[in-house]
Amino acid sequence: RLGLANVTAVHSNVFDFLPICKEKFDIVFADPPYALEGLDTIPDKVLGAGILHPGCWFILEHGDEYSFTAHPNFVKERNYGRVHFSIFEA
């Protein structure tokens, strides 16, 4: 539908997936439950797992109770009401 080639969609718990992932991606999108324990650790875990090609993006959907603007890999944030998307660059 988007006309994209070589797209892989993975629906998994991020904490279970990262230790077993052997692939590298250009974009990783995470939409965890907003009340997920450890949500604030997800950017460091994803960026530290080596699953992104250099210069590529990790996008985290989260509620407005979190702010990742001080994270060293933070690029920008988009807000849609109480829904926030923080974008990080590998």
N, C-alpha and C. Protein backbone atom coordinates (compact mmCIF):
# COMPACT_ATOMS: atom_id res chain seq x y z
N ARG A 1 0.81 -1.19 0.00
CA ARG A 1 0.00 0.00 0.00
C ARG A 1 0.86 1.26 0.00
N LEU A 2 1.96 1.24 0.71
CA LEU A 2 2.85 2.39 0.73
C LEU A 2 3.88 2.35 -0.40
N GLY A 3 3.97 1.21 -1.08
CA GLY A 3 4.94 1.09 -2.14
C GLY A 3 6.36 0.88 -1.64
N LEU A 4 6.50 0.39 -0.44
CA LEU A 4 7.82 0.15 0.14
C LEU A 4 8.25 -1.28 -0.12
N ALA A 5 9.52 -1.47 -0.38
CA ALA A 5 10.07 -2.81 -0.57
C ALA A 5 10.87 -3.21 0.66
N ASN A 6 10.98 -4.49 0.87
CA ASN A 6 11.83 -5.02 1.94
C ASN A 6 11.41 -4.50 3.32
N VAL A 7 10.14 -4.62 3.65
CA VAL A 7 9.61 -4.17 4.93
C VAL A 7 9.36 -5.39 5.81
N THR A 8 9.79 -5.30 7.06
CA THR A 8 9.56 -6.37 8.03
C THR A 8 8.79 -5.79 9.20
N ALA A 9 7.64 -6.36 9.50
CA ALA A 9 6.88 -5.95 10.68
C ALA A 9 7.06 -7.03 11.74
N VAL A 10 7.47 -6.61 12.92
CA VAL A 10 7.67 -7.53 14.03
C VAL A 10 6.77 -7.08 15.16
N HIS A 11 5.92 -7.95 15.62
CA HIS A 11 5.04 -7.66 16.74
C HIS A 11 5.52 -8.52 17.90
N SER A 12 6.23 -7.89 18.85
CA SER A 12 6.84 -8.64 19.94
C SER A 12 7.09 -7.71 21.12
N ASN A 13 7.28 -8.30 22.26
CA ASN A 13 7.68 -7.56 23.45
C ASN A 13 9.13 -7.12 23.26
N VAL A 14 9.38 -5.83 23.37
CA VAL A 14 10.72 -5.29 23.11
C VAL A 14 11.77 -5.94 24.02
N PHE A 15 11.42 -6.22 25.26
CA PHE A 15 12.39 -6.79 26.19
C PHE A 15 12.74 -8.23 25.84
N ASP A 16 11.81 -8.94 25.19
CA ASP A 16 12.07 -10.31 24.74
C ASP A 16 12.76 -10.33 23.38
N PHE A 17 12.42 -9.38 22.52
CA PHE A 17 12.92 -9.37 21.15
C PHE A 17 14.38 -8.93 21.05
N LEU A 18 14.77 -7.90 21.77
CA LEU A 18 16.12 -7.35 21.60
C LEU A 18 17.24 -8.36 21.81
N PRO A 19 17.18 -9.20 22.84
CA PRO A 19 18.29 -10.14 23.04
C PRO A 19 18.44 -11.19 21.93
N ILE A 20 17.38 -11.45 21.16
CA ILE A 20 17.46 -12.49 20.14
C ILE A 20 17.53 -11.94 18.72
N CYS A 21 17.38 -10.64 18.55
CA CYS A 21 17.37 -10.04 17.22
C CYS A 21 18.77 -10.06 16.62
N LYS A 22 18.86 -10.55 15.39
CA LYS A 22 20.14 -10.61 14.68
C LYS A 22 20.14 -9.72 13.43
N GLU A 23 19.06 -9.00 13.20
CA GLU A 23 18.94 -8.15 12.02
C GLU A 23 19.23 -6.70 12.36
N LYS A 24 19.46 -5.90 11.32
CA LYS A 24 19.57 -4.45 11.47
C LYS A 24 18.45 -3.81 10.66
N PHE A 25 17.95 -2.70 11.17
CA PHE A 25 16.80 -2.03 10.57
C PHE A 25 17.12 -0.57 10.30
N ASP A 26 16.35 0.03 9.37
CA ASP A 26 16.45 1.46 9.10
C ASP A 26 15.53 2.26 10.01
N ILE A 27 14.39 1.68 10.35
CA ILE A 27 13.44 2.32 11.26
C ILE A 27 12.89 1.27 12.21
N VAL A 28 12.87 1.61 13.48
CA VAL A 28 12.22 0.76 14.49
C VAL A 28 11.17 1.62 15.18
N PHE A 29 9.95 1.12 15.23
CA PHE A 29 8.84 1.83 15.87
C PHE A 29 8.35 0.98 17.03
N ALA A 30 8.25 1.59 18.21
CA ALA A 30 7.74 0.88 19.39
C ALA A 30 6.51 1.60 19.92
N ASP A 31 5.47 0.84 20.16
CA ASP A 31 4.21 1.35 20.69
C ASP A 31 3.84 0.54 21.92
N PRO A 32 4.61 0.70 23.00
CA PRO A 32 4.32 -0.10 24.20
C PRO A 32 3.11 0.45 24.95
N PRO A 33 2.53 -0.37 25.81
CA PRO A 33 1.47 0.17 26.69
C PRO A 33 2.06 1.32 27.50
N TYR A 34 1.32 2.40 27.62
CA TYR A 34 1.84 3.58 28.30
C TYR A 34 2.20 3.32 29.75
N ALA A 35 1.57 2.35 30.39
CA ALA A 35 1.86 2.04 31.79
C ALA A 35 2.92 0.94 31.93
N LEU A 36 3.60 0.60 30.84
CA LEU A 36 4.60 -0.47 30.87
C LEU A 36 5.72 -0.13 31.82
N GLU A 37 5.99 -1.03 32.75
CA GLU A 37 7.13 -0.85 33.66
C GLU A 37 8.41 -0.91 32.83
N GLY A 38 9.26 0.08 33.00
CA GLY A 38 10.51 0.13 32.26
C GLY A 38 10.44 0.86 30.94
N LEU A 39 9.30 1.48 30.63
CA LEU A 39 9.17 2.20 29.36
C LEU A 39 10.28 3.23 29.19
N ASP A 40 10.68 3.87 30.26
CA ASP A 40 11.71 4.89 30.19
C ASP A 40 13.08 4.33 29.81
N THR A 41 13.27 3.01 29.91
CA THR A 41 14.56 2.40 29.56
C THR A 41 14.61 1.93 28.10
N ILE A 42 13.49 1.97 27.42
CA ILE A 42 13.43 1.41 26.06
C ILE A 42 14.38 2.11 25.08
N PRO A 43 14.47 3.44 25.06
CA PRO A 43 15.42 4.05 24.10
C PRO A 43 16.85 3.55 24.28
N ASP A 44 17.34 3.49 25.50
CA ASP A 44 18.70 3.00 25.72
C ASP A 44 18.85 1.55 25.31
N LYS A 45 17.84 0.74 25.59
CA LYS A 45 17.91 -0.68 25.23
C LYS A 45 17.91 -0.88 23.72
N VAL A 46 17.04 -0.18 23.01
CA VAL A 46 16.97 -0.31 21.56
C VAL A 46 18.25 0.23 20.92
N LEU A 47 18.66 1.43 21.31
CA LEU A 47 19.84 2.04 20.71
C LEU A 47 21.11 1.29 21.06
N GLY A 48 21.14 0.67 22.22
CA GLY A 48 22.31 -0.10 22.64
C GLY A 48 22.36 -1.51 22.10
N ALA A 49 21.28 -1.97 21.50
CA ALA A 49 21.21 -3.35 21.01
C ALA A 49 21.88 -3.54 19.65
N GLY A 50 22.21 -2.45 18.99
CA GLY A 50 22.87 -2.56 17.69
C GLY A 50 21.96 -3.05 16.58
N ILE A 51 20.66 -2.79 16.69
CA ILE A 51 19.72 -3.27 15.66
C ILE A 51 19.39 -2.21 14.62
N LEU A 52 19.94 -1.02 14.76
CA LEU A 52 19.70 0.06 13.79
C LEU A 52 20.96 0.34 12.99
N HIS A 53 20.78 0.56 11.69
CA HIS A 53 21.89 1.02 10.86
C HIS A 53 22.27 2.42 11.34
N PRO A 54 23.54 2.82 11.22
CA PRO A 54 23.96 4.16 11.62
C PRO A 54 23.12 5.24 10.92
N GLY A 55 22.73 6.24 11.68
CA GLY A 55 21.95 7.35 11.14
C GLY A 55 20.47 7.07 10.99
N CYS A 56 20.04 5.86 11.35
CA CYS A 56 18.63 5.50 11.21
C CYS A 56 17.86 5.78 12.49
N TRP A 57 16.54 5.66 12.41
CA TRP A 57 15.68 6.15 13.48
C TRP A 57 14.98 5.08 14.30
N PHE A 58 14.88 5.39 15.59
CA PHE A 58 14.01 4.66 16.51
C PHE A 58 12.91 5.63 16.92
N ILE A 59 11.65 5.22 16.77
CA ILE A 59 10.50 6.06 17.13
C ILE A 59 9.74 5.38 18.24
N LEU A 60 9.55 6.09 19.34
CA LEU A 60 8.86 5.56 20.51
C LEU A 60 7.57 6.34 20.74
N GLU A 61 6.46 5.64 20.75
CA GLU A 61 5.18 6.25 21.11
C GLU A 61 5.03 6.16 22.62
N HIS A 62 4.61 7.27 23.24
CA HIS A 62 4.46 7.28 24.70
C HIS A 62 3.51 8.39 25.11
N GLY A 63 3.11 8.35 26.36
CA GLY A 63 2.23 9.37 26.91
C GLY A 63 2.99 10.62 27.30
N ASP A 64 2.25 11.66 27.67
CA ASP A 64 2.87 12.94 27.99
C ASP A 64 3.55 12.98 29.35
N GLU A 65 3.49 11.89 30.09
CA GLU A 65 4.19 11.85 31.38
C GLU A 65 5.68 11.57 31.22
N TYR A 66 6.12 11.25 30.00
CA TYR A 66 7.54 11.00 29.74
C TYR A 66 8.09 12.09 28.85
N SER A 67 9.36 12.43 29.09
CA SER A 67 10.08 13.35 28.21
C SER A 67 11.47 12.76 27.97
N PHE A 68 11.85 12.68 26.72
CA PHE A 68 13.15 12.12 26.36
C PHE A 68 14.04 13.17 25.72
N THR A 69 13.69 14.45 25.85
CA THR A 69 14.43 15.51 25.18
C THR A 69 15.88 15.61 25.63
N ALA A 70 16.21 15.13 26.82
CA ALA A 70 17.59 15.20 27.31
C ALA A 70 18.42 13.99 26.87
N HIS A 71 17.80 13.03 26.23
CA HIS A 71 18.53 11.83 25.79
C HIS A 71 19.54 12.24 24.71
N PRO A 72 20.76 11.72 24.76
CA PRO A 72 21.79 12.14 23.79
C PRO A 72 21.46 11.82 22.33
N ASN A 73 20.59 10.86 22.08
CA ASN A 73 20.24 10.49 20.71
C ASN A 73 18.89 11.08 20.27
N PHE A 74 18.28 11.89 21.13
CA PHE A 74 16.99 12.49 20.83
C PHE A 74 17.12 13.45 19.64
N VAL A 75 16.18 13.35 18.69
CA VAL A 75 16.17 14.23 17.53
C VAL A 75 15.00 15.21 17.60
N LYS A 76 13.80 14.67 17.78
CA LYS A 76 12.62 15.54 17.86
C LYS A 76 11.45 14.76 18.44
N GLU A 77 10.41 15.52 18.76
CA GLU A 77 9.19 14.93 19.30
C GLU A 77 8.00 15.51 18.56
N ARG A 78 7.03 14.67 18.32
CA ARG A 78 5.77 15.10 17.73
C ARG A 78 4.67 14.79 18.73
N ASN A 79 3.76 15.75 18.94
CA ASN A 79 2.67 15.59 19.90
C ASN A 79 1.34 15.64 19.18
N TYR A 80 0.47 14.72 19.57
CA TYR A 80 -0.89 14.67 19.05
C TYR A 80 -1.80 14.47 20.25
N GLY A 81 -2.13 15.57 20.93
CA GLY A 81 -2.87 15.48 22.18
C GLY A 81 -1.99 14.86 23.25
N ARG A 82 -2.46 13.79 23.85
CA ARG A 82 -1.67 13.11 24.88
C ARG A 82 -0.70 12.07 24.30
N VAL A 83 -0.76 11.89 23.01
CA VAL A 83 0.12 10.92 22.35
C VAL A 83 1.38 11.63 21.87
N HIS A 84 2.53 11.09 22.24
CA HIS A 84 3.81 11.67 21.87
C HIS A 84 4.63 10.64 21.11
N PHE A 85 5.37 11.11 20.13
CA PHE A 85 6.31 10.28 19.39
C PHE A 85 7.69 10.92 19.56
N SER A 86 8.58 10.23 20.26
CA SER A 86 9.95 10.69 20.40
C SER A 86 10.80 9.97 19.37
N ILE A 87 11.62 10.73 18.66
CA ILE A 87 12.44 10.18 17.59
C ILE A 87 13.90 10.30 17.98
N PHE A 88 14.60 9.18 17.84
CA PHE A 88 16.01 9.08 18.20
C PHE A 88 16.80 8.62 16.98
N GLU A 89 18.04 9.07 16.87
CA GLU A 89 18.90 8.66 15.76
C GLU A 89 20.03 7.79 16.28
N ALA A 90 20.26 6.70 15.58
CA ALA A 90 21.33 5.77 15.97
C ALA A 90 22.69 6.36 15.62
